[in-house]
Amino acid sequence: MQENRHGEAVESVPHARPKASGGTTTDRVLHKQTSVTPMKGHQIRASREEPQYIVTSDNGGKASYEPSALTKI
């Protein structure tokens, strides 16, 4: 599993229907989430074994991604 660090630039592929959304976006890593936490009205189901990365986009929006959905740029 790749490790991403705070502030790194990454490209992300959306969770649902990546082809329908227009492809990838460029984001910055905020932090690695290793516990269940609420975000935008739903639960991020992260754990130490299956972490999620919280990223922010250029417009300030936040999202969570599995490590496999992120590519360092």
Protein backbone atom coordinates (compact mmCIF):
# COMPACT_ATOMS: atom_id res chain seq x y z
CA MET A 1 0.00 0.00 0.00
CA GLN A 2 1.39 3.41 -0.90
CA GLU A 3 1.86 6.02 1.79
CA ASN A 4 0.74 9.57 1.07
CA ARG A 5 1.85 12.48 3.22
CA HIS A 6 0.21 15.73 4.26
CA GLY A 7 0.38 18.32 1.50
CA GLU A 8 1.32 15.91 -1.30
CA ALA A 9 -0.35 16.46 -4.65
CA VAL A 10 -2.32 13.43 -5.83
CA GLU A 11 -4.73 12.56 -8.61
CA SER A 12 -7.92 10.86 -7.51
CA VAL A 13 -10.44 8.68 -9.29
CA PRO A 14 -14.00 9.12 -7.93
CA HIS A 15 -15.52 6.17 -6.02
CA ALA A 16 -18.69 5.81 -8.05
CA ARG A 17 -18.80 5.83 -11.84
CA PRO A 18 -15.31 7.22 -12.58
CA LYS A 19 -16.00 7.34 -16.32
CA ALA A 20 -19.24 9.30 -15.88
CA SER A 21 -17.64 12.01 -13.75
CA GLY A 22 -15.04 13.07 -16.28
CA GLY A 23 -11.98 11.23 -14.98
CA THR A 24 -9.45 12.29 -12.39
CA THR A 25 -9.04 15.40 -10.26
CA THR A 26 -5.96 16.93 -8.65
CA ASP A 27 -6.12 17.10 -4.86
CA ARG A 28 -3.86 17.62 -1.82
CA VAL A 29 -3.65 15.14 1.03
CA LEU A 30 -4.87 16.54 4.37
CA HIS A 31 -4.38 13.41 6.49
CA LYS A 32 -4.66 9.65 6.78
CA GLN A 33 -7.88 8.54 8.52
CA THR A 34 -7.69 5.29 10.53
CA SER A 35 -10.99 5.35 12.41
CA VAL A 36 -14.69 5.65 11.64
CA THR A 37 -15.69 9.31 11.44
CA PRO A 38 -18.61 11.35 10.02
CA MET A 39 -18.08 13.43 6.87
CA LYS A 40 -20.69 15.18 4.71
CA GLY A 41 -23.58 13.31 6.27
CA HIS A 42 -22.16 9.78 6.02
CA GLN A 43 -19.64 7.60 7.85
CA ILE A 44 -16.09 7.12 6.60
CA ARG A 45 -15.40 3.49 7.46
CA ALA A 46 -11.64 3.64 7.90
CA SER A 47 -9.42 1.46 10.09
CA ARG A 48 -5.71 0.85 10.61
CA GLU A 49 -5.97 -2.13 8.26
CA GLU A 50 -8.00 -0.21 5.65
CA PRO A 51 -7.20 3.52 5.96
CA GLN A 52 -8.77 6.32 3.95
CA TYR A 53 -7.03 9.53 2.88
CA ILE A 54 -8.83 12.82 3.39
CA VAL A 55 -8.01 15.15 0.50
CA THR A 56 -8.98 18.69 -0.48
CA SER A 57 -9.47 19.95 -4.02
CA ASP A 58 -8.59 23.34 -5.50
CA ASN A 59 -12.12 24.58 -4.80
CA GLY A 60 -11.82 23.65 -1.11
CA GLY A 61 -14.04 20.57 -1.16
CA LYS A 62 -13.06 17.57 0.96
CA ALA A 63 -13.36 13.88 0.10
CA SER A 64 -12.09 10.53 1.34
CA TYR A 65 -10.37 7.94 -0.85
CA GLU A 66 -8.89 4.49 -0.50
CA PRO A 67 -5.13 4.48 -1.12
CA SER A 68 -5.63 2.57 -4.39
CA ALA A 69 -7.71 5.46 -5.80
CA LEU A 70 -4.84 7.96 -5.41
CA THR A 71 -1.78 8.45 -7.61
CA LYS A 72 1.12 10.71 -6.64
CA ILE A 73 1.89 13.42 -9.20
